[in-house]
PDB file of N, CA and C in Angstrom:
ATOM      1  N   MET A   1      89.101 111.195  98.928  1.00  0.00           N
ATOM      2  CA  MET A   1      88.467 110.078 100.000  1.00  0.00           C
ATOM      3  C   MET A   1      88.062 110.925 101.215  1.00  0.00           C
ATOM      4  N   GLN A   2      88.780 112.109 101.446  1.00  0.00           N
ATOM      5  CA  GLN A   2      88.453 112.805 102.600  1.00  0.00           C
ATOM      6  C   GLN A   2      87.036 113.602 102.418  1.00  0.00           C
ATOM      7  N   ALA A   3      86.732 114.024 101.161  1.00  0.00           N
ATOM      8  CA  ALA A   3      85.537 114.534 100.788  1.00  0.00           C
ATOM      9  C   ALA A   3      84.250 113.352 100.907  1.00  0.00           C
ATOM     10  N   VAL A   4      84.506 112.332 100.465  1.00  0.00           N
ATOM     11  CA  VAL A   4      83.579 111.109 100.708  1.00  0.00           C
ATOM     12  C   VAL A   4      83.255 110.920 102.019  1.00  0.00           C
ATOM     13  N   LEU A   5      84.252 110.854 102.956  1.00  0.00           N
ATOM     14  CA  LEU A   5      84.243 110.828 104.341  1.00  0.00           C
ATOM     15  C   LEU A   5      83.361 111.711 104.963  1.00  0.00           C
ATOM     16  N   LYS A   6      83.692 112.963 104.620  1.00  0.00           N
ATOM     17  CA  LYS A   6      83.041 114.219 105.173  1.00  0.00           C
ATOM     18  C   LYS A   6      81.203 114.105 104.813  1.00  0.00           C
ATOM     19  N   ARG A   7      80.956 113.609 103.708  1.00  0.00           N
ATOM     20  CA  ARG A   7      79.764 113.397 103.266  1.00  0.00           C
ATOM     21  C   ARG A   7      78.860 112.410 104.170  1.00  0.00           C
ATOM     22  N   GLU A   8      79.485 111.703 104.974  1.00  0.00           N
ATOM     23  CA  GLU A   8      78.933 110.994 106.065  1.00  0.00           C
ATOM     24  C   GLU A   8      78.583 111.926 106.965  1.00  0.00           C
ATOM     25  N   ASN A   9      77.072 111.503 107.677  1.00  0.00           N
ATOM     26  CA  ASN A   9      76.761 112.205 108.759  1.00  0.00           C
ATOM     27  C   ASN A   9      77.805 112.244 109.927  1.00  0.00           C
ATOM     28  N   ARG A  10      77.626 112.799 110.856  1.00  0.00           N
ATOM     29  CA  ARG A  10      78.713 112.912 112.172  1.00  0.00           C
ATOM     30  C   ARG A  10      78.597 111.370 112.653  1.00  0.00           C
ATOM     31  N   LEU A  11      77.530 110.662 112.840  1.00  0.00           N
ATOM     32  CA  LEU A  11      77.393 109.431 113.632  1.00  0.00           C
ATOM     33  C   LEU A  11      78.354 108.258 112.737  1.00  0.00           C
ATOM     34  N   GLY A  12      78.067 108.503 111.253  1.00  0.00           N
ATOM     35  CA  GLY A  12      78.588 107.468 110.323  1.00  0.00           C
ATOM     36  C   GLY A  12      80.129 107.780 110.377  1.00  0.00           C
ATOM     37  N   ARG A  13      80.670 108.904 110.530  1.00  0.00           N
ATOM     38  CA  ARG A  13      82.272 109.234 110.753  1.00  0.00           C
ATOM     39  C   ARG A  13      82.693 108.636 111.839  1.00  0.00           C
ATOM     40  N   GLN A  14      81.975 108.188 112.990  1.00  0.00           N
ATOM     41  CA  GLN A  14      82.450 107.600 114.161  1.00  0.00           C
ATOM     42  C   GLN A  14      82.737 106.040 113.952  1.00  0.00           C
ATOM     43  N   LYS A  15      82.753 105.539 112.690  1.00  0.00           N
ATOM     44  CA  LYS A  15      83.069 104.250 112.436  1.00  0.00           C
ATOM     45  C   LYS A  15      84.155 103.966 111.290  1.00  0.00           C
ATOM     46  N   GLU A  16      84.714 102.776 111.309  1.00  0.00           N
ATOM     47  CA  GLU A  16      85.763 102.548 110.353  1.00  0.00           C
ATOM     48  C   GLU A  16      84.931 102.267 109.219  1.00  0.00           C
ATOM     49  N   HIS A  17      85.475 102.893 107.834  1.00  0.00           N
ATOM     50  CA  HIS A  17      85.181 102.606 106.627  1.00  0.00           C
ATOM     51  C   HIS A  17      86.123 101.936 105.877  1.00  0.00           C
ATOM     52  N   PHE A  18      85.774 101.226 104.876  1.00  0.00           N
ATOM     53  CA  PHE A  18      87.348 100.530 104.117  1.00  0.00           C
ATOM     54  C   PHE A  18      86.807 100.630 102.584  1.00  0.00           C
ATOM     55  N   TRP A  19      87.501 101.216 101.818  1.00  0.00           N
ATOM     56  CA  TRP A  19      87.059 101.348 100.574  1.00  0.00           C
ATOM     57  C   TRP A  19      88.133 100.543  99.677  1.00  0.00           C
ATOM     58  N   VAL A  20      87.893 100.183  98.598  1.00  0.00           N
ATOM     59  CA  VAL A  20      88.540  99.839  97.301  1.00  0.00           C
ATOM     60  C   VAL A  20      88.447 100.800  96.100  1.00  0.00           C
ATOM     61  N   ILE A  21      89.642 101.281  95.673  1.00  0.00           N
ATOM     62  CA  ILE A  21      89.465 102.064  94.331  1.00  0.00           C
ATOM     63  C   ILE A  21      90.410 101.376  93.222  1.00  0.00           C
ATOM     64  N   GLY A  22      89.686 101.078  92.277  1.00  0.00           N
ATOM     65  CA  GLY A  22      89.957 100.398  91.090  1.00  0.00           C
ATOM     66  C   GLY A  22      90.623 101.292  90.131  1.00  0.00           C
ATOM     67  N   LEU A  23      91.741 100.827  89.699  1.00  0.00           N
ATOM     68  CA  LEU A  23      92.367 101.627  88.710  1.00  0.00           C
ATOM     69  C   LEU A  23      92.618 100.983  87.305  1.00  0.00           C
ATOM     70  N   THR A  24      92.525 101.697  86.383  1.00  0.00           N
ATOM     71  CA  THR A  24      92.680 101.052  84.773  1.00  0.00           C
ATOM     72  C   THR A  24      94.321 101.050  84.789  1.00  0.00           C
ATOM     73  N   PRO A  25      94.797 100.263  83.665  1.00  0.00           N
ATOM     74  CA  PRO A  25      96.314 100.226  83.310  1.00  0.00           C
ATOM     75  C   PRO A  25      96.977 101.491  83.310  1.00  0.00           C
ATOM     76  N   THR A  26      96.068 102.779  82.815  1.00  0.00           N
ATOM     77  CA  THR A  26      96.673 103.877  82.785  1.00  0.00           C
ATOM     78  C   THR A  26      96.438 104.775  84.085  1.00  0.00           C
ATOM     79  N   LEU A  27      96.029 104.113  85.180  1.00  0.00           N
ATOM     80  CA  LEU A  27      95.788 104.521  86.558  1.00  0.00           C
ATOM     81  C   LEU A  27      94.702 105.675  86.524  1.00  0.00           C
ATOM     82  N   VAL A  28      93.672 105.504  85.813  1.00  0.00           N
ATOM     83  CA  VAL A  28      92.376 106.484  85.847  1.00  0.00           C
ATOM     84  C   VAL A  28      91.386 105.358  86.650  1.00  0.00           C
ATOM     85  N   ILE A  29      90.697 106.000  87.422  1.00  0.00           N
ATOM     86  CA  ILE A  29      89.845 105.553  88.554  1.00  0.00           C
ATOM     87  C   ILE A  29      88.746 104.835  87.777  1.00  0.00           C
ATOM     88  N   SER A  30      88.544 103.460  87.940  1.00  0.00           N
ATOM     89  CA  SER A  30      87.443 102.700  87.468  1.00  0.00           C
ATOM     90  C   SER A  30      86.244 102.704  88.267  1.00  0.00           C
ATOM     91  N   PHE A  31      86.567 102.492  89.781  1.00  0.00           N
ATOM     92  CA  PHE A  31      85.527 102.691  90.777  1.00  0.00           C
ATOM     93  C   PHE A  31      86.014 102.941  91.986  1.00  0.00           C
ATOM     94  N   ILE A  32      85.084 103.445  92.992  1.00  0.00           N
ATOM     95  CA  ILE A  32      85.558 103.646  94.379  1.00  0.00           C
ATOM     96  C   ILE A  32      84.529 102.757  95.150  1.00  0.00           C
ATOM     97  N   GLU A  33      84.658 101.735  95.998  1.00  0.00           N
ATOM     98  CA  GLU A  33      83.739 100.955  96.407  1.00  0.00           C
ATOM     99  C   GLU A  33      83.730 100.665  97.828  1.00  0.00           C
ATOM    100  N   LEU A  34      82.977 100.981  98.800  1.00  0.00           N
ATOM    101  CA  LEU A  34      82.746 100.983 100.245  1.00  0.00           C
ATOM    102  C   LEU A  34      82.667  99.310 100.351  1.00  0.00           C
ATOM    103  N   VAL A  35      83.631  98.706 101.058  1.00  0.00           N
ATOM    104  CA  VAL A  35      83.682  97.211 101.109  1.00  0.00           C
ATOM    105  C   VAL A  35      83.368  96.918 102.749  1.00  0.00           C
ATOM    106  N   ALA A  36      83.593  97.939 103.673  1.00  0.00           N
ATOM    107  CA  ALA A  36      83.234  97.326 104.940  1.00  0.00           C
ATOM    108  C   ALA A  36      82.925  98.692 105.807  1.00  0.00           C
ATOM    109  N   LEU A  37      82.114  98.517 106.760  1.00  0.00           N
ATOM    110  CA  LEU A  37      81.700  99.647 107.569  1.00  0.00           C
ATOM    111  C   LEU A  37      81.670  98.906 109.089  1.00  0.00           C
ATOM    112  N   GLY A  38      82.451  99.324 109.938  1.00  0.00           N
ATOM    113  CA  GLY A  38      82.808  98.673 111.026  1.00  0.00           C
ATOM    114  C   GLY A  38      82.642  99.594 112.397  1.00  0.00           C
ATOM    115  N   SER A  39      83.208  99.335 113.405  1.00  0.00           N
ATOM    116  CA  SER A  39      83.125  99.926 114.546  1.00  0.00           C
ATOM    117  C   SER A  39      84.032 101.239 114.676  1.00  0.00           C
ATOM    118  N   LEU A  40      84.251 101.761 115.940  1.00  0.00           N
ATOM    119  CA  LEU A  40      85.070 102.755 116.158  1.00  0.00           C
ATOM    120  C   LEU A  40      86.568 102.548 115.798  1.00  0.00           C
ATOM    121  N   ASN A  41      86.704 101.376 115.949  1.00  0.00           N
ATOM    122  CA  ASN A  41      88.372 101.129 115.702  1.00  0.00           C
ATOM    123  C   ASN A  41      88.456  99.700 114.751  1.00  0.00           C
ATOM    124  N   LYS A  42      87.523  99.345 114.133  1.00  0.00           N
ATOM    125  CA  LYS A  42      87.704  98.003 113.511  1.00  0.00           C
ATOM    126  C   LYS A  42      86.704  97.969 112.326  1.00  0.00           C
ATOM    127  N   ALA A  43      86.996  97.624 111.187  1.00  0.00           N
ATOM    128  CA  ALA A  43      86.122  97.541 110.097  1.00  0.00           C
ATOM    129  C   ALA A  43      85.618  96.172 109.586  1.00  0.00           C
ATOM    130  N   GLY A  44      86.422  95.182 109.912  1.00  0.00           N
ATOM    131  CA  GLY A  44      85.972  93.835 109.831  1.00  0.00           C
ATOM    132  C   GLY A  44      85.903  93.608 108.279  1.00  0.00           C
ATOM    133  N   VAL A  45      87.011  93.666 107.568  1.00  0.00           N
ATOM    134  CA  VAL A  45      87.208  93.486 106.065  1.00  0.00           C
ATOM    135  C   VAL A  45      87.675  92.103 105.861  1.00  0.00           C
ATOM    136  N   GLU A  46      86.669  91.736 104.938  1.00  0.00           N
ATOM    137  CA  GLU A  46      86.719  90.183 104.231  1.00  0.00           C
ATOM    138  C   GLU A  46      87.530  90.457 102.962  1.00  0.00           C
ATOM    139  N   PRO A  47      88.505  89.480 102.665  1.00  0.00           N
ATOM    140  CA  PRO A  47      89.341  89.582 101.541  1.00  0.00           C
ATOM    141  C   PRO A  47      88.381  89.375 100.317  1.00  0.00           C
ATOM    142  N   LEU A  48      87.654  88.411 100.122  1.00  0.00           N
ATOM    143  CA  LEU A  48      86.638  88.328  99.071  1.00  0.00           C
ATOM    144  C   LEU A  48      86.113  89.565  98.834  1.00  0.00           C
ATOM    145  N   ASP A  49      85.426  90.493  99.832  1.00  0.00           N
ATOM    146  CA  ASP A  49      85.037  91.690  99.398  1.00  0.00           C
ATOM    147  C   ASP A  49      85.876  92.484  98.738  1.00  0.00           C
ATOM    148  N   VAL A  50      87.203  92.691  99.114  1.00  0.00           N
ATOM    149  CA  VAL A  50      88.099  93.407  98.927  1.00  0.00           C
ATOM    150  C   VAL A  50      88.345  93.184  97.190  1.00  0.00           C
ATOM    151  N   PHE A  51      88.560  91.952  96.855  1.00  0.00           N
ATOM    152  CA  PHE A  51      88.947  91.700  95.497  1.00  0.00           C
ATOM    153  C   PHE A  51      87.742  91.418  94.448  1.00  0.00           C
ATOM    154  N   HIS A  52      86.472  91.126  94.957  1.00  0.00           N
ATOM    155  CA  HIS A  52      85.519  90.874  94.218  1.00  0.00           C
ATOM    156  C   HIS A  52      85.148  91.732  92.888  1.00  0.00           C
ATOM    157  N   LEU A  53      85.079  93.009  93.115  1.00  0.00           N
ATOM    158  CA  LEU A  53      84.604  93.981  92.166  1.00  0.00           C
ATOM    159  C   LEU A  53      85.735  93.966  91.188  1.00  0.00           C
ATOM    160  N   ALA A  54      87.084  94.207  91.782  1.00  0.00           N
ATOM    161  CA  ALA A  54      88.298  94.217  90.930  1.00  0.00           C
ATOM    162  C   ALA A  54      88.432  93.104  90.051  1.00  0.00           C
ATOM    163  N   SER A  55      88.236  92.041  90.618  1.00  0.00           N
ATOM    164  CA  SER A  55      88.333  90.675  89.824  1.00  0.00           C
ATOM    165  C   SER A  55      87.261  90.929  88.578  1.00  0.00           C
ATOM    166  N   SER A  56      85.839  91.042  89.014  1.00  0.00           N
ATOM    167  CA  SER A  56      84.820  90.862  88.025  1.00  0.00           C
ATOM    168  C   SER A  56      84.934  91.937  87.022  1.00  0.00           C
ATOM    169  N   LYS A  57      85.555  93.015  87.256  1.00  0.00           N
ATOM    170  CA  LYS A  57      85.821  94.182  86.165  1.00  0.00           C
ATOM    171  C   LYS A  57      87.130  93.846  85.437  1.00  0.00           C
ATOM    172  N   ASN A  58      87.999  92.910  85.809  1.00  0.00           N
ATOM    173  CA  ASN A  58      89.356  92.685  85.361  1.00  0.00           C
ATOM    174  C   ASN A  58      90.093  93.745  85.564  1.00  0.00           C
ATOM    175  N   ILE A  59      89.987  94.386  86.789  1.00  0.00           N
ATOM    176  CA  ILE A  59      91.033  95.304  87.202  1.00  0.00           C
ATOM    177  C   ILE A  59      92.185  94.779  88.041  1.00  0.00           C
ATOM    178  N   ARG A  60      93.378  95.331  87.510  1.00  0.00           N
ATOM    179  CA  ARG A  60      94.618  94.642  88.035  1.00  0.00           C
ATOM    180  C   ARG A  60      95.346  95.641  89.115  1.00  0.00           C
ATOM    181  N   LYS A  61      94.849  96.604  89.303  1.00  0.00           N
ATOM    182  CA  LYS A  61      95.522  97.695  90.044  1.00  0.00           C
ATOM    183  C   LYS A  61      94.608  98.244  91.139  1.00  0.00           C
ATOM    184  N   ILE A  62      94.701  98.184  92.545  1.00  0.00           N
ATOM    185  CA  ILE A  62      93.967  98.778  93.434  1.00  0.00           C
ATOM    186  C   ILE A  62      94.721  99.520  94.425  1.00  0.00           C
ATOM    187  N   ILE A  63      93.885 100.478  94.989  1.00  0.00           N
ATOM    188  CA  ILE A  63      94.436 101.305  96.100  1.00  0.00           C
ATOM    189  C   ILE A  63      93.318 100.814  97.491  1.00  0.00           C
ATOM    190  N   LEU A  64      93.906 100.607  98.458  1.00  0.00           N
ATOM    191  CA  LEU A  64      93.299 100.366  99.824  1.00  0.00           C
ATOM    192  C   LEU A  64      92.978 101.759 100.434  1.00  0.00           C
ATOM    193  N   VAL A  65      91.830 102.152 101.089  1.00  0.00           N
ATOM    194  CA  VAL A  65      91.649 102.997 101.828  1.00  0.00           C
ATOM    195  C   VAL A  65      90.857 103.007 103.080  1.00  0.00           C
ATOM    196  N   HIS A  66      91.238 103.377 104.331  1.00  0.00           N
ATOM    197  CA  HIS A  66      90.256 103.376 105.345  1.00  0.00           C
ATOM    198  C   HIS A  66      90.465 104.549 106.309  1.00  0.00           C
ATOM    199  N   ASN A  67      89.686 104.734 106.976  1.00  0.00           N
ATOM    200  CA  ASN A  67      89.672 105.955 108.018  1.00  0.00           C
ATOM    201  C   ASN A  67      90.053 105.622 109.363  1.00  0.00           C
ATOM    202  N   HIS A  68      90.409 106.301 110.207  1.00  0.00           N
ATOM    203  CA  HIS A  68      90.711 106.348 111.522  1.00  0.00           C
ATOM    204  C   HIS A  68      89.884 107.165 112.392  1.00  0.00           C
ATOM    205  N   PRO A  69      88.736 107.095 112.810  1.00  0.00           N
ATOM    206  CA  PRO A  69      87.702 107.818 113.442  1.00  0.00           C
ATOM    207  C   PRO A  69      88.384 108.756 114.611  1.00  0.00           C
ATOM    208  N   SER A  70      89.640 108.199 115.072  1.00  0.00           N
ATOM    209  CA  SER A  70      90.153 108.790 116.394  1.00  0.00           C
ATOM    210  C   SER A  70      91.048 110.001 115.742  1.00  0.00           C
ATOM    211  N   GLY A  71      91.383 109.993 114.327  1.00  0.00           N
ATOM    212  CA  GLY A  71      92.127 110.951 113.766  1.00  0.00           C
ATOM    213  C   GLY A  71      93.633 110.522 113.980  1.00  0.00           C
ATOM    214  N   ASN A  72      94.003 109.674 114.462  1.00  0.00           N
ATOM    215  CA  ASN A  72      95.436 108.956 114.658  1.00  0.00           C
ATOM    216  C   ASN A  72      95.761 108.384 113.304  1.00  0.00           C
ATOM    217  N   LEU A  73      96.651 108.834 112.688  1.00  0.00           N
ATOM    218  CA  LEU A  73      97.013 108.246 111.228  1.00  0.00           C
ATOM    219  C   LEU A  73      98.159 107.167 111.349  1.00  0.00           C
ATOM    220  N   THR A  74      98.728 106.781 112.588  1.00  0.00           N
ATOM    221  CA  THR A  74      99.611 105.876 112.701  1.00  0.00           C
ATOM    222  C   THR A  74      98.941 104.424 112.328  1.00  0.00           C
ATOM    223  N   PRO A  75      99.426 103.639 111.542  1.00  0.00           N
ATOM    224  CA  PRO A  75      99.014 102.355 111.238  1.00  0.00           C
ATOM    225  C   PRO A  75      99.137 101.605 112.388  1.00  0.00           C
ATOM    226  N   SER A  76      97.908 100.745 112.589  1.00  0.00           N
ATOM    227  CA  SER A  76      98.079  99.951 113.901  1.00  0.00           C
ATOM    228  C   SER A  76      98.591  98.643 113.488  1.00  0.00           C
ATOM    229  N   GLY A  77      98.812  97.613 114.327  1.00  0.00           N
ATOM    230  CA  GLY A  77      99.455  96.361 114.135  1.00  0.00           C
ATOM    231  C   GLY A  77      98.472  95.501 113.090  1.00  0.00           C
ATOM    232  N   GLU A  78      97.156  95.831 113.478  1.00  0.00           N
ATOM    233  CA  GLU A  78      96.099  95.241 112.528  1.00  0.00           C
ATOM    234  C   GLU A  78      96.011  95.697 111.222  1.00  0.00           C
ATOM    235  N   ASP A  79      96.210  97.046 111.167  1.00  0.00           N
ATOM    236  CA  ASP A  79      96.407  97.622 109.815  1.00  0.00           C
ATOM    237  C   ASP A  79      97.647  96.925 108.832  1.00  0.00           C
ATOM    238  N   ILE A  80      98.727  96.874 109.501  1.00  0.00           N
ATOM    239  CA  ILE A  80      99.787  96.245 108.892  1.00  0.00           C
ATOM    240  C   ILE A  80      99.604  94.637 108.534  1.00  0.00           C
ATOM    241  N   ASN A  81      99.172  93.872 109.500  1.00  0.00           N
ATOM    242  CA  ASN A  81      98.717  92.614 109.158  1.00  0.00           C
ATOM    243  C   ASN A  81      97.587  92.465 108.119  1.00  0.00           C
ATOM    244  N   LEU A  82      96.642  93.320 108.034  1.00  0.00           N
ATOM    245  CA  LEU A  82      95.709  93.271 106.890  1.00  0.00           C
ATOM    246  C   LEU A  82      96.334  93.557 105.648  1.00  0.00           C
ATOM    247  N   THR A  83      97.143  94.571 105.720  1.00  0.00           N
ATOM    248  CA  THR A  83      97.612  94.835 104.349  1.00  0.00           C
ATOM    249  C   THR A  83      98.649  93.771 104.022  1.00  0.00           C
ATOM    250  N   ASN A  84      99.290  93.160 104.656  1.00  0.00           N
ATOM    251  CA  ASN A  84     100.217  91.987 104.261  1.00  0.00           C
ATOM    252  C   ASN A  84      99.433  90.648 103.950  1.00  0.00           C
ATOM    253  N   ASN A  85      98.326  90.556 104.491  1.00  0.00           N
ATOM    254  CA  ASN A  85      97.319  89.376 104.234  1.00  0.00           C
ATOM    255  C   ASN A  85      96.767  89.567 102.681  1.00  0.00           C
ATOM    256  N   LEU A  86      96.409  90.852 102.683  1.00  0.00           N
ATOM    257  CA  LEU A  86      95.650  91.157 101.379  1.00  0.00           C
ATOM    258  C   LEU A  86      96.773  91.188 100.098  1.00  0.00           C
ATOM    259  N   LYS A  87      97.870  91.695 100.498  1.00  0.00           N
ATOM    260  CA  LYS A  87      99.055  91.590  99.571  1.00  0.00           C
ATOM    261  C   LYS A  87      99.208  90.188  98.927  1.00  0.00           C
ATOM    262  N   MET A  88      99.225  89.154 100.091  1.00  0.00           N
ATOM    263  CA  MET A  88      99.442  87.778  99.721  1.00  0.00           C
ATOM    264  C   MET A  88      98.191  87.245  98.672  1.00  0.00           C
ATOM    265  N   GLY A  89      96.986  87.659  99.232  1.00  0.00           N
ATOM    266  CA  GLY A  89      95.994  87.300  98.319  1.00  0.00           C
ATOM    267  C   GLY A  89      96.050  87.909  97.054  1.00  0.00           C
ATOM    268  N   ALA A  90      96.243  89.199  97.066  1.00  0.00           N
ATOM    269  CA  ALA A  90      96.327  89.927  95.400  1.00  0.00           C
ATOM    270  C   ALA A  90      97.458  89.452  94.588  1.00  0.00           C
ATOM    271  N   LYS A  91      98.332  88.800  95.180  1.00  0.00           N
ATOM    272  CA  LYS A  91      99.476  88.108  94.281  1.00  0.00           C
ATOM    273  C   LYS A  91      98.843  87.060  93.535  1.00  0.00           C
ATOM    274  N   TYR A  92      98.078  86.046  94.294  1.00  0.00           N
ATOM    275  CA  TYR A  92      97.547  84.851  93.509  1.00  0.00           C
ATOM    276  C   TYR A  92      96.459  85.398  92.364  1.00  0.00           C
ATOM    277  N   LEU A  93      95.768  86.604  92.691  1.00  0.00           N
ATOM    278  CA  LEU A  93      94.835  86.953  91.701  1.00  0.00           C
ATOM    279  C   LEU A  93      95.474  87.887  90.758  1.00  0.00           C
ATOM    280  N   ASN A  94      96.755  87.967  90.660  1.00  0.00           N
ATOM    281  CA  ASN A  94      97.359  88.992  89.593  1.00  0.00           C
ATOM    282  C   ASN A  94      96.724  90.342  89.850  1.00  0.00           C
ATOM    283  N   ILE A  95      96.502  90.916  91.181  1.00  0.00           N
ATOM    284  CA  ILE A  95      96.173  92.250  91.331  1.00  0.00           C
ATOM    285  C   ILE A  95      97.202  92.971  92.069  1.00  0.00           C
ATOM    286  N   GLU A  96      97.563  94.312  91.685  1.00  0.00           N
ATOM    287  CA  GLU A  96      98.749  94.860  92.426  1.00  0.00           C
ATOM    288  C   GLU A  96      98.050  96.108  93.167  1.00  0.00           C
ATOM    289  N   ILE A  97      98.462  95.838  94.514  1.00  0.00           N
ATOM    290  CA  ILE A  97      97.981  96.822  95.509  1.00  0.00           C
ATOM    291  C   ILE A  97      98.856  97.972  95.605  1.00  0.00           C
ATOM    292  N   LEU A  98      98.611  99.186  95.113  1.00  0.00           N
ATOM    293  CA  LEU A  98      99.621 100.334  94.793  1.00  0.00           C
ATOM    294  C   LEU A  98      99.852 100.952  96.307  1.00  0.00           C
ATOM    295  N   ASP A  99      98.742 101.162  97.073  1.00  0.00           N
ATOM    296  CA  ASP A  99      98.839 101.760  98.349  1.00  0.00           C
ATOM    297  C   ASP A  99      97.793 101.328  99.175  1.00  0.00           C
ATOM    298  N   HIS A 100      97.995 101.539 100.459  1.00  0.00           N
ATOM    299  CA  HIS A 100      96.985 101.506 101.426  1.00  0.00           C
ATOM    300  C   HIS A 100      97.145 102.848 102.267  1.00  0.00           C
ATOM    301  N   LEU A 101      96.072 103.546 102.292  1.00  0.00           N
ATOM    302  CA  LEU A 101      95.877 104.811 102.814  1.00  0.00           C
ATOM    303  C   LEU A 101      95.021 104.759 104.128  1.00  0.00           C
ATOM    304  N   ILE A 102      95.462 105.529 105.275  1.00  0.00           N
ATOM    305  CA  ILE A 102      94.683 105.653 106.308  1.00  0.00           C
ATOM    306  C   ILE A 102      94.504 107.208 106.208  1.00  0.00           C
ATOM    307  N   ILE A 103      93.043 107.508 106.210  1.00  0.00           N
ATOM    308  CA  ILE A 103      92.504 108.864 106.206  1.00  0.00           C
ATOM    309  C   ILE A 103      91.889 109.300 107.599  1.00  0.00           C
ATOM    310  N   SER A 104      91.890 110.529 107.847  1.00  0.00           N
ATOM    311  CA  SER A 104      91.185 111.188 108.712  1.00  0.00           C
ATOM    312  C   SER A 104      90.657 112.458 108.127  1.00  0.00           C
ATOM    313  N   GLU A 105      89.513 113.441 108.973  1.00  0.00           N
ATOM    314  CA  GLU A 105      89.216 114.478 108.359  1.00  0.00           C
ATOM    315  C   GLU A 105      90.283 115.388 108.152  1.00  0.00           C
ATOM    316  N   THR A 106      91.407 115.419 108.460  1.00  0.00           N
ATOM    317  CA  THR A 106      92.367 116.229 108.552  1.00  0.00           C
ATOM    318  C   THR A 106      93.739 115.875 107.737  1.00  0.00           C
ATOM    319  N   GLY A 107      93.854 114.480 107.684  1.00  0.00           N
ATOM    320  CA  GLY A 107      95.194 114.226 106.927  1.00  0.00           C
ATOM    321  C   GLY A 107      95.098 112.999 106.275  1.00  0.00           C
ATOM    322  N   TYR A 108      96.184 112.193 105.920  1.00  0.00           N
ATOM    323  CA  TYR A 108      96.386 110.839 105.411  1.00  0.00           C
ATOM    324  C   TYR A 108      97.579 110.371 105.494  1.00  0.00           C
ATOM    325  N   ALA A 109      97.822 109.012 105.682  1.00  0.00           N
ATOM    326  CA  ALA A 109      99.233 108.426 105.893  1.00  0.00           C
ATOM    327  C   ALA A 109      99.200 107.223 105.016  1.00  0.00           C
ATOM    328  N   SER A 110     100.139 106.581 104.612  1.00  0.00           N
ATOM    329  CA  SER A 110     100.181 105.413 103.993  1.00  0.00           C
ATOM    330  C   SER A 110     100.715 104.121 104.897  1.00  0.00           C
ATOM    331  N   VAL A 111     100.104 103.082 104.889  1.00  0.00           N
ATOM    332  CA  VAL A 111     100.543 101.839 105.312  1.00  0.00           C
ATOM    333  C   VAL A 111     101.700 101.225 104.672  1.00  0.00           C
ATOM    334  N   PRO A 112     102.661 100.916 105.378  1.00  0.00           N
ATOM    335  CA  PRO A 112     103.825 100.385 104.601  1.00  0.00           C
ATOM    336  C   PRO A 112     103.466  99.211 103.868  1.00  0.00           C
ATOM    337  N   ILE A 113     103.754  98.995 102.592  1.00  0.00           N
ATOM    338  CA  ILE A 113     103.495  97.751 101.829  1.00  0.00           C
ATOM    339  C   ILE A 113     104.778  96.996 101.565  1.00  0.00           C
TER     340      ILE A 113
END
């Protein structure tokens, strides 16, 4: 994902990006989809956008990934709330969120699930 982020031009890297990675039952990547592009510190993620492609492709395992343009990998309160809200929605759709990663150009961290 860091390689994907680095392909963005310098201005694009100054915005939060939010991706969903869909995985097959054997954990092979089925898709990587950019579902939100926001501002410096917020991506404006809509749950429908997060689950739409997974649901339409009958994918039952996903990984959430977003960047922090600041480089700070500490999950914010909003990151934790979003993860918890998406977890509740995923439960009703029978989709498992395996991880929620925060990435920067130099590293990554996992949001507690």
